[in-house]
Amino acid sequence: MTDHEYLDQAEALLARIEAACDAINDETDADIDNQRVGGMITLVFANRSQIVINLQPPLHEVWLAAKSGGYHYRLVDGAWRDTKSGDEFWTVLNREASAQAGLPLRF
């Protein structure tokens, strides 16, 4: 994958996260504050816990940091997969955000 292809895919991922936060806030009582600065989005929950998603262009990865730990993702066959477990990004984001919000969320 070229640097340009990585950036296109990674930026699309961040845009989808932002749009999903807006939808979640409209449809639930989660009240997630999402703040984007460059290639990083910080999701702040009502209990003040955070999830941070940031791009790592030199590695062609996306990193997610949550209360449970840190995860590194690479694009594999069209899906962002954890480099250790192989878990898909959206599965982990849904699980971690639900745990931190205290209610089921679906990005």
Protein backbone atom coordinates (compact mmCIF):
# COMPACT_ATOMS: atom_id res chain seq x y z
CA MET A 1 0.00 0.00 0.00
CA THR A 2 1.31 3.43 -0.87
CA ASP A 3 1.40 6.31 1.60
CA HIS A 4 -1.37 8.01 -0.37
CA GLU A 5 -3.59 4.91 -0.25
CA TYR A 6 -3.00 4.56 3.49
CA LEU A 7 -3.92 8.20 4.13
CA ASP A 8 -7.09 7.92 2.04
CA GLN A 9 -8.24 4.82 3.94
CA ALA A 10 -7.21 6.13 7.37
CA GLU A 11 -8.86 9.53 6.85
CA ALA A 12 -12.05 7.75 5.73
CA LEU A 13 -11.94 5.75 8.98
CA LEU A 14 -11.63 8.91 11.09
CA ALA A 15 -14.46 10.61 9.18
CA ARG A 16 -16.68 7.57 9.76
CA ILE A 17 -15.91 7.68 13.51
CA GLU A 18 -16.87 11.37 13.66
CA ALA A 19 -20.12 10.74 11.80
CA ALA A 20 -20.92 7.76 14.02
CA CYS A 21 -20.39 9.86 17.16
CA ASP A 22 -22.88 12.41 15.86
CA ALA A 23 -25.42 9.67 15.15
CA ILE A 24 -24.88 8.02 18.55
CA ASN A 25 -25.37 11.35 20.31
CA ASP A 26 -28.59 11.94 18.36
CA GLU A 27 -29.96 8.45 19.04
CA THR A 28 -28.76 7.66 22.59
CA ASP A 29 -27.93 9.25 25.93
CA ALA A 30 -24.21 8.45 25.52
CA ASP A 31 -23.12 12.11 25.19
CA ILE A 32 -19.76 11.42 23.55
CA ASP A 33 -17.65 14.50 22.95
CA ASN A 34 -15.42 13.89 19.95
CA GLN A 35 -12.48 16.18 19.33
CA ARG A 36 -10.32 15.90 16.24
CA VAL A 37 -6.89 17.42 15.92
CA GLY A 38 -5.08 16.43 12.72
CA GLY A 39 -4.83 12.66 12.57
CA MET A 40 -6.17 12.08 16.08
CA ILE A 41 -9.68 11.80 17.50
CA THR A 42 -10.35 11.83 21.23
CA LEU A 43 -13.69 10.46 22.38
CA VAL A 44 -14.61 11.75 25.83
CA PHE A 45 -17.44 9.99 27.65
CA ALA A 46 -19.77 11.40 30.34
CA ASN A 47 -17.67 9.71 33.05
CA ARG A 48 -14.60 11.57 31.66
CA SER A 49 -12.95 8.38 30.41
CA GLN A 50 -11.43 8.60 26.94
CA ILE A 51 -10.68 6.61 23.85
CA VAL A 52 -7.99 8.01 21.57
CA ILE A 53 -7.67 6.96 17.93
CA ASN A 54 -4.67 8.24 16.05
CA LEU A 55 -2.94 7.67 12.75
CA GLN A 56 0.59 6.33 12.51
CA PRO A 57 1.55 7.15 8.90
CA PRO A 58 5.15 5.83 8.99
CA LEU A 59 3.81 2.39 10.01
CA HIS A 60 0.60 2.55 7.94
CA GLU A 61 -1.30 1.83 11.15
CA VAL A 62 -4.16 3.25 13.20
CA TRP A 63 -3.81 3.06 16.97
CA LEU A 64 -6.65 2.92 19.49
CA ALA A 65 -6.07 3.55 23.19
CA ALA A 66 -8.83 2.69 25.67
CA LYS A 67 -9.08 1.94 29.38
CA SER A 68 -8.42 -1.73 28.63
CA GLY A 69 -5.20 -1.06 26.72
CA GLY A 70 -3.76 -0.14 23.35
CA TYR A 71 -4.44 -1.68 19.96
CA HIS A 72 -2.62 -1.33 16.64
CA TYR A 73 -4.46 -1.82 13.33
CA ARG A 74 -3.32 -2.41 9.77
CA LEU A 75 -5.51 -2.58 6.69
CA VAL A 76 -5.81 -6.24 5.65
CA ASP A 77 -8.14 -7.29 2.83
CA GLY A 78 -10.20 -4.12 3.20
CA ALA A 79 -10.59 -4.26 7.00
CA TRP A 80 -8.56 -2.64 9.78
CA ARG A 81 -7.23 -5.62 11.80
CA ASP A 82 -5.42 -5.68 15.12
CA THR A 83 -1.80 -6.64 14.55
CA LYS A 84 -1.82 -9.09 17.49
CA SER A 85 -5.31 -10.59 17.74
CA GLY A 86 -6.63 -10.01 14.22
CA ASP A 87 -9.79 -8.46 15.71
CA GLU A 88 -11.56 -5.96 13.45
CA PHE A 89 -11.37 -2.27 14.42
CA TRP A 90 -15.14 -1.65 14.62
CA THR A 91 -15.68 -4.69 16.84
CA VAL A 92 -13.11 -3.43 19.33
CA LEU A 93 -14.31 0.19 19.17
CA ASN A 94 -17.91 -0.92 19.80
CA ARG A 95 -16.84 -3.08 22.75
CA GLU A 96 -14.56 -0.49 24.33
CA ALA A 97 -16.92 2.47 23.82
CA SER A 98 -19.84 0.45 25.22
CA ALA A 99 -17.81 -0.46 28.29
CA GLN A 100 -16.70 3.13 28.88
CA ALA A 101 -20.15 4.64 28.19
CA GLY A 102 -21.96 2.05 30.31
CA LEU A 103 -24.47 1.31 27.55
CA PRO A 104 -24.43 -0.60 24.28
CA LEU A 105 -23.06 1.49 21.42
CA ARG A 106 -22.62 0.68 17.77
CA PHE A 107 -20.31 2.69 15.56
